[in-house]
Amino acid sequence: MGVMMMPRGVVQPAQWTVAEQLRLNFPPHSAPGNTHLRLACQVRCVEDISVTKFNQFWGQGPLPLPPLAAA
């Protein structure tokens, strides 16, 4: 499983891929709270973005995780 991401910035493709339509409409990421999510393995970043990962096993929790240290 890739990283679920809530991008702030431009990613391509702009719309969900078929893989995202299948995965993000399946629990725990089903509607209505899934519209802001993308699968990191399905998008290409075209500018600087900010990625937010949330708590719980699949990232479906309400709390954002703290930022990772820069590599």
PDB file of N, CA and C in Angstrom:
ATOM      1  N   MET A   1       0.856  -1.175   0.000  1.00  0.00           N
ATOM      2  CA  MET A   1       0.000   0.000   0.000  1.00  0.00           C
ATOM      3  C   MET A   1       0.893   1.226   0.000  1.00  0.00           C
ATOM      4  N   GLY A   2       0.596   2.174  -0.838  1.00  0.00           N
ATOM      5  CA  GLY A   2       1.330   3.426  -0.880  1.00  0.00           C
ATOM      6  C   GLY A   2       0.878   4.358   0.223  1.00  0.00           C
ATOM      7  N   VAL A   3       1.390   5.531   0.194  1.00  0.00           N
ATOM      8  CA  VAL A   3       1.040   6.551   1.172  1.00  0.00           C
ATOM      9  C   VAL A   3      -0.226   7.265   0.706  1.00  0.00           C
ATOM     10  N   MET A   4      -1.194   7.363   1.597  1.00  0.00           N
ATOM     11  CA  MET A   4      -2.355   8.192   1.306  1.00  0.00           C
ATOM     12  C   MET A   4      -1.921   9.630   1.512  1.00  0.00           C
ATOM     13  N   MET A   5      -2.284  10.488   0.625  1.00  0.00           N
ATOM     14  CA  MET A   5      -1.856  11.864   0.774  1.00  0.00           C
ATOM     15  C   MET A   5      -2.987  12.819   0.502  1.00  0.00           C
ATOM     16  N   MET A   6      -2.911  13.944   1.177  1.00  0.00           N
ATOM     17  CA  MET A   6      -3.834  15.030   0.962  1.00  0.00           C
ATOM     18  C   MET A   6      -2.971  16.179   0.451  1.00  0.00           C
ATOM     19  N   PRO A   7      -2.785  16.272  -0.866  1.00  0.00           N
ATOM     20  CA  PRO A   7      -1.848  17.265  -1.390  1.00  0.00           C
ATOM     21  C   PRO A   7      -2.401  18.670  -1.368  1.00  0.00           C
ATOM     22  N   ARG A   8      -1.532  19.602  -1.064  1.00  0.00           N
ATOM     23  CA  ARG A   8      -1.801  21.032  -1.259  1.00  0.00           C
ATOM     24  C   ARG A   8      -0.759  21.478  -2.268  1.00  0.00           C
ATOM     25  N   GLY A   9      -1.165  21.667  -3.489  1.00  0.00           N
ATOM     26  CA  GLY A   9      -0.260  21.958  -4.584  1.00  0.00           C
ATOM     27  C   GLY A   9      -0.742  21.222  -5.821  1.00  0.00           C
ATOM     28  N   VAL A  10      -0.061  21.400  -6.919  1.00  0.00           N
ATOM     29  CA  VAL A  10      -0.490  20.816  -8.179  1.00  0.00           C
ATOM     30  C   VAL A  10       0.101  19.423  -8.347  1.00  0.00           C
ATOM     31  N   VAL A  11      -0.781  18.457  -8.594  1.00  0.00           N
ATOM     32  CA  VAL A  11      -0.368  17.101  -8.930  1.00  0.00           C
ATOM     33  C   VAL A  11      -1.081  16.692 -10.207  1.00  0.00           C
ATOM     34  N   GLN A  12      -0.460  15.779 -10.952  1.00  0.00           N
ATOM     35  CA  GLN A  12      -1.094  15.269 -12.167  1.00  0.00           C
ATOM     36  C   GLN A  12      -1.182  13.766 -12.069  1.00  0.00           C
ATOM     37  N   PRO A  13      -2.237  13.152 -12.564  1.00  0.00           N
ATOM     38  CA  PRO A  13      -3.393  13.774 -13.170  1.00  0.00           C
ATOM     39  C   PRO A  13      -4.243  14.500 -12.129  1.00  0.00           C
ATOM     40  N   ALA A  14      -4.981  15.484 -12.578  1.00  0.00           N
ATOM     41  CA  ALA A  14      -5.789  16.288 -11.669  1.00  0.00           C
ATOM     42  C   ALA A  14      -6.956  15.494 -11.090  1.00  0.00           C
ATOM     43  N   GLN A  15      -7.444  14.515 -11.831  1.00  0.00           N
ATOM     44  CA  GLN A  15      -8.570  13.693 -11.383  1.00  0.00           C
ATOM     45  C   GLN A  15      -8.059  12.327 -10.925  1.00  0.00           C
ATOM     46  N   TRP A  16      -8.860  11.633 -10.121  1.00  0.00           N
ATOM     47  CA  TRP A  16      -8.509  10.297  -9.670  1.00  0.00           C
ATOM     48  C   TRP A  16      -8.264   9.353 -10.840  1.00  0.00           C
ATOM     49  N   THR A  17      -7.292   8.471 -10.693  1.00  0.00           N
ATOM     50  CA  THR A  17      -7.063   7.400 -11.662  1.00  0.00           C
ATOM     51  C   THR A  17      -8.053   6.265 -11.371  1.00  0.00           C
ATOM     52  N   VAL A  18      -8.095   5.267 -12.232  1.00  0.00           N
ATOM     53  CA  VAL A  18      -8.958   4.100 -12.000  1.00  0.00           C
ATOM     54  C   VAL A  18      -8.574   3.409 -10.690  1.00  0.00           C
ATOM     55  N   ALA A  19      -7.274   3.284 -10.439  1.00  0.00           N
ATOM     56  CA  ALA A  19      -6.810   2.663  -9.186  1.00  0.00           C
ATOM     57  C   ALA A  19      -7.312   3.434  -7.971  1.00  0.00           C
ATOM     58  N   GLU A  20      -7.298   4.753  -8.040  1.00  0.00           N
ATOM     59  CA  GLU A  20      -7.794   5.565  -6.927  1.00  0.00           C
ATOM     60  C   GLU A  20      -9.305   5.432  -6.779  1.00  0.00           C
ATOM     61  N   GLN A  21     -10.021   5.373  -7.880  1.00  0.00           N
ATOM     62  CA  GLN A  21     -11.469   5.203  -7.812  1.00  0.00           C
ATOM     63  C   GLN A  21     -11.817   3.906  -7.104  1.00  0.00           C
ATOM     64  N   LEU A  22     -11.063   2.846  -7.405  1.00  0.00           N
ATOM     65  CA  LEU A  22     -11.318   1.561  -6.758  1.00  0.00           C
ATOM     66  C   LEU A  22     -10.929   1.590  -5.290  1.00  0.00           C
ATOM     67  N   ARG A  23      -9.718   2.039  -4.980  1.00  0.00           N
ATOM     68  CA  ARG A  23      -9.204   1.972  -3.608  1.00  0.00           C
ATOM     69  C   ARG A  23      -9.849   2.981  -2.672  1.00  0.00           C
ATOM     70  N   LEU A  24     -10.095   4.178  -3.149  1.00  0.00           N
ATOM     71  CA  LEU A  24     -10.582   5.236  -2.254  1.00  0.00           C
ATOM     72  C   LEU A  24     -12.102   5.226  -2.089  1.00  0.00           C
ATOM     73  N   ASN A  25     -12.767   4.283  -2.720  1.00  0.00           N
ATOM     74  CA  ASN A  25     -14.194   4.088  -2.483  1.00  0.00           C
ATOM     75  C   ASN A  25     -14.444   2.800  -1.714  1.00  0.00           C
ATOM     76  N   PHE A  26     -13.402   2.321  -1.032  1.00  0.00           N
ATOM     77  CA  PHE A  26     -13.460   1.090  -0.249  1.00  0.00           C
ATOM     78  C   PHE A  26     -13.060   1.438   1.177  1.00  0.00           C
ATOM     79  N   PRO A  27     -13.782   0.909   2.193  1.00  0.00           N
ATOM     80  CA  PRO A  27     -13.442   1.253   3.577  1.00  0.00           C
ATOM     81  C   PRO A  27     -11.969   0.995   3.885  1.00  0.00           C
ATOM     82  N   PRO A  28     -11.345   1.803   4.701  1.00  0.00           N
ATOM     83  CA  PRO A  28     -11.923   2.857   5.514  1.00  0.00           C
ATOM     84  C   PRO A  28     -11.957   4.218   4.823  1.00  0.00           C
ATOM     85  N   HIS A  29     -11.648   4.290   3.551  1.00  0.00           N
ATOM     86  CA  HIS A  29     -11.559   5.585   2.873  1.00  0.00           C
ATOM     87  C   HIS A  29     -12.751   5.891   1.984  1.00  0.00           C
ATOM     88  N   SER A  30     -13.908   5.371   2.295  1.00  0.00           N
ATOM     89  CA  SER A  30     -15.067   5.580   1.443  1.00  0.00           C
ATOM     90  C   SER A  30     -15.682   6.963   1.662  1.00  0.00           C
ATOM     91  N   ALA A  31     -16.604   7.314   0.767  1.00  0.00           N
ATOM     92  CA  ALA A  31     -17.286   8.609   0.813  1.00  0.00           C
ATOM     93  C   ALA A  31     -18.002   8.776   2.152  1.00  0.00           C
ATOM     94  N   PRO A  32     -18.231   9.988   2.593  1.00  0.00           N
ATOM     95  CA  PRO A  32     -17.994  11.250   1.905  1.00  0.00           C
ATOM     96  C   PRO A  32     -16.632  11.874   2.190  1.00  0.00           C
ATOM     97  N   GLY A  33     -15.845  11.317   3.115  1.00  0.00           N
ATOM     98  CA  GLY A  33     -14.609  11.971   3.530  1.00  0.00           C
ATOM     99  C   GLY A  33     -13.393  11.671   2.672  1.00  0.00           C
ATOM    100  N   ASN A  34     -13.555  11.060   1.521  1.00  0.00           N
ATOM    101  CA  ASN A  34     -12.418  10.631   0.726  1.00  0.00           C
ATOM    102  C   ASN A  34     -12.054  11.571  -0.422  1.00  0.00           C
ATOM    103  N   THR A  35     -12.822  12.587  -0.674  1.00  0.00           N
ATOM    104  CA  THR A  35     -12.634  13.402  -1.879  1.00  0.00           C
ATOM    105  C   THR A  35     -11.324  14.189  -1.885  1.00  0.00           C
ATOM    106  N   HIS A  36     -10.731  14.424  -0.731  1.00  0.00           N
ATOM    107  CA  HIS A  36      -9.476  15.186  -0.652  1.00  0.00           C
ATOM    108  C   HIS A  36      -8.235  14.289  -0.704  1.00  0.00           C
ATOM    109  N   LEU A  37      -8.429  12.968  -0.784  1.00  0.00           N
ATOM    110  CA  LEU A  37      -7.304  12.036  -0.751  1.00  0.00           C
ATOM    111  C   LEU A  37      -6.809  11.684  -2.143  1.00  0.00           C
ATOM    112  N   ARG A  38      -5.531  11.350  -2.232  1.00  0.00           N
ATOM    113  CA  ARG A  38      -4.922  10.800  -3.451  1.00  0.00           C
ATOM    114  C   ARG A  38      -3.995   9.675  -3.027  1.00  0.00           C
ATOM    115  N   LEU A  39      -3.733   8.738  -3.925  1.00  0.00           N
ATOM    116  CA  LEU A  39      -2.719   7.714  -3.686  1.00  0.00           C
ATOM    117  C   LEU A  39      -1.397   8.246  -4.209  1.00  0.00           C
ATOM    118  N   ALA A  40      -0.408   8.292  -3.349  1.00  0.00           N
ATOM    119  CA  ALA A  40       0.886   8.864  -3.723  1.00  0.00           C
ATOM    120  C   ALA A  40       1.494   8.149  -4.923  1.00  0.00           C
ATOM    121  N   CYS A  41       1.227   6.865  -5.073  1.00  0.00           N
ATOM    122  CA  CYS A  41       1.793   6.101  -6.188  1.00  0.00           C
ATOM    123  C   CYS A  41       1.100   6.394  -7.516  1.00  0.00           C
ATOM    124  N   GLN A  42       0.031   7.190  -7.508  1.00  0.00           N
ATOM    125  CA  GLN A  42      -0.738   7.454  -8.714  1.00  0.00           C
ATOM    126  C   GLN A  42      -0.600   8.880  -9.226  1.00  0.00           C
ATOM    127  N   VAL A  43       0.156   9.713  -8.539  1.00  0.00           N
ATOM    128  CA  VAL A  43       0.260  11.115  -8.942  1.00  0.00           C
ATOM    129  C   VAL A  43       1.712  11.514  -9.173  1.00  0.00           C
ATOM    130  N   ARG A  44       1.868  12.549  -9.958  1.00  0.00           N
ATOM    131  CA  ARG A  44       3.179  13.141 -10.219  1.00  0.00           C
ATOM    132  C   ARG A  44       3.109  14.587  -9.745  1.00  0.00           C
ATOM    133  N   CYS A  45       4.084  14.997  -8.970  1.00  0.00           N
ATOM    134  CA  CYS A  45       4.137  16.364  -8.451  1.00  0.00           C
ATOM    135  C   CYS A  45       4.723  17.272  -9.521  1.00  0.00           C
ATOM    136  N   VAL A  46       4.068  18.393  -9.775  1.00  0.00           N
ATOM    137  CA  VAL A  46       4.566  19.321 -10.789  1.00  0.00           C
ATOM    138  C   VAL A  46       5.026  20.644 -10.182  1.00  0.00           C
ATOM    139  N   GLU A  47       4.955  20.751  -8.870  1.00  0.00           N
ATOM    140  CA  GLU A  47       5.486  21.894  -8.128  1.00  0.00           C
ATOM    141  C   GLU A  47       5.653  21.447  -6.690  1.00  0.00           C
ATOM    142  N   ASP A  48       6.156  22.313  -5.829  1.00  0.00           N
ATOM    143  CA  ASP A  48       6.284  21.960  -4.421  1.00  0.00           C
ATOM    144  C   ASP A  48       4.901  21.651  -3.864  1.00  0.00           C
ATOM    145  N   ILE A  49       4.830  20.581  -3.071  1.00  0.00           N
ATOM    146  CA  ILE A  49       3.567  20.216  -2.449  1.00  0.00           C
ATOM    147  C   ILE A  49       3.778  20.003  -0.961  1.00  0.00           C
ATOM    148  N   SER A  50       2.708  19.997  -0.237  1.00  0.00           N
ATOM    149  CA  SER A  50       2.713  19.655   1.172  1.00  0.00           C
ATOM    150  C   SER A  50       1.861  18.401   1.314  1.00  0.00           C
ATOM    151  N   VAL A  51       2.388  17.378   1.984  1.00  0.00           N
ATOM    152  CA  VAL A  51       1.679  16.114   2.164  1.00  0.00           C
ATOM    153  C   VAL A  51       1.321  15.977   3.629  1.00  0.00           C
ATOM    154  N   THR A  52       0.073  15.646   3.902  1.00  0.00           N
ATOM    155  CA  THR A  52      -0.387  15.416   5.264  1.00  0.00           C
ATOM    156  C   THR A  52      -0.750  13.956   5.418  1.00  0.00           C
ATOM    157  N   LYS A  53      -0.149  13.283   6.383  1.00  0.00           N
ATOM    158  CA  LYS A  53      -0.477  11.891   6.697  1.00  0.00           C
ATOM    159  C   LYS A  53      -1.174  11.891   8.046  1.00  0.00           C
ATOM    160  N   PHE A  54      -2.224  11.106   8.153  1.00  0.00           N
ATOM    161  CA  PHE A  54      -3.023  11.078   9.372  1.00  0.00           C
ATOM    162  C   PHE A  54      -2.776   9.803  10.167  1.00  0.00           C
ATOM    163  N   ASN A  55      -3.205   9.811  11.439  1.00  0.00           N
ATOM    164  CA  ASN A  55      -2.983   8.686  12.342  1.00  0.00           C
ATOM    165  C   ASN A  55      -3.869   7.492  11.974  1.00  0.00           C
ATOM    166  N   GLN A  56      -3.709   6.430  12.694  1.00  0.00           N
ATOM    167  CA  GLN A  56      -4.322   5.123  12.542  1.00  0.00           C
ATOM    168  C   GLN A  56      -3.654   4.359  11.400  1.00  0.00           C
ATOM    169  N   PHE A  57      -3.882   3.061  11.354  1.00  0.00           N
ATOM    170  CA  PHE A  57      -3.136   2.175  10.462  1.00  0.00           C
ATOM    171  C   PHE A  57      -3.186   2.611   8.995  1.00  0.00           C
ATOM    172  N   TRP A  58      -4.351   2.898   8.477  1.00  0.00           N
ATOM    173  CA  TRP A  58      -4.501   3.288   7.075  1.00  0.00           C
ATOM    174  C   TRP A  58      -4.483   4.797   6.885  1.00  0.00           C
ATOM    175  N   GLY A  59      -4.206   5.561   7.936  1.00  0.00           N
ATOM    176  CA  GLY A  59      -4.206   7.013   7.817  1.00  0.00           C
ATOM    177  C   GLY A  59      -5.597   7.597   7.822  1.00  0.00           C
ATOM    178  N   GLN A  60      -6.582   6.841   8.283  1.00  0.00           N
ATOM    179  CA  GLN A  60      -7.962   7.299   8.255  1.00  0.00           C
ATOM    180  C   GLN A  60      -8.356   8.076   9.506  1.00  0.00           C
ATOM    181  N   GLY A  61      -7.423   8.240  10.449  1.00  0.00           N
ATOM    182  CA  GLY A  61      -7.734   8.925  11.695  1.00  0.00           C
ATOM    183  C   GLY A  61      -7.883  10.425  11.521  1.00  0.00           C
ATOM    184  N   PRO A  62      -8.369  11.107  12.542  1.00  0.00           N
ATOM    185  CA  PRO A  62      -8.610  12.542  12.463  1.00  0.00           C
ATOM    186  C   PRO A  62      -7.385  13.415  12.758  1.00  0.00           C
ATOM    187  N   LEU A  63      -6.313  12.807  13.287  1.00  0.00           N
ATOM    188  CA  LEU A  63      -5.167  13.595  13.731  1.00  0.00           C
ATOM    189  C   LEU A  63      -4.007  13.525  12.746  1.00  0.00           C
ATOM    190  N   PRO A  64      -3.502  14.668  12.283  1.00  0.00           N
ATOM    191  CA  PRO A  64      -2.331  14.638  11.404  1.00  0.00           C
ATOM    192  C   PRO A  64      -1.093  14.213  12.191  1.00  0.00           C
ATOM    193  N   LEU A  65      -0.217  13.423  11.539  1.00  0.00           N
ATOM    194  CA  LEU A  65       1.034  13.018  12.167  1.00  0.00           C
ATOM    195  C   LEU A  65       2.024  14.168  12.103  1.00  0.00           C
ATOM    196  N   PRO A  66       2.973  14.228  13.038  1.00  0.00           N
ATOM    197  CA  PRO A  66       3.954  15.314  12.998  1.00  0.00           C
ATOM    198  C   PRO A  66       4.852  15.194  11.775  1.00  0.00           C
ATOM    199  N   PRO A  67       5.396  16.304  11.319  1.00  0.00           N
ATOM    200  CA  PRO A  67       6.292  16.272  10.151  1.00  0.00           C
ATOM    201  C   PRO A  67       7.533  15.432  10.433  1.00  0.00           C
ATOM    202  N   LEU A  68       8.051  14.800   9.396  1.00  0.00           N
ATOM    203  CA  LEU A  68       9.308  14.058   9.500  1.00  0.00           C
ATOM    204  C   LEU A  68      10.476  15.027   9.372  1.00  0.00           C
ATOM    205  N   ALA A  69      11.577  14.683   9.964  1.00  0.00           N
ATOM    206  CA  ALA A  69      12.771  15.507   9.832  1.00  0.00           C
ATOM    207  C   ALA A  69      13.273  15.453   8.382  1.00  0.00           C
ATOM    208  N   ALA A  70      13.811  16.531   7.907  1.00  0.00           N
ATOM    209  CA  ALA A  70      14.354  16.575   6.541  1.00  0.00           C
ATOM    210  C   ALA A  70      15.521  15.607   6.419  1.00  0.00           C
ATOM    211  N   ALA A  71      15.611  14.965   5.270  1.00  0.00           N
ATOM    212  CA  ALA A  71      16.700  13.991   5.056  1.00  0.00           C
ATOM    213  C   ALA A  71      17.978  14.673   4.656  1.00  0.00           C
TER     214      ALA A  71
END
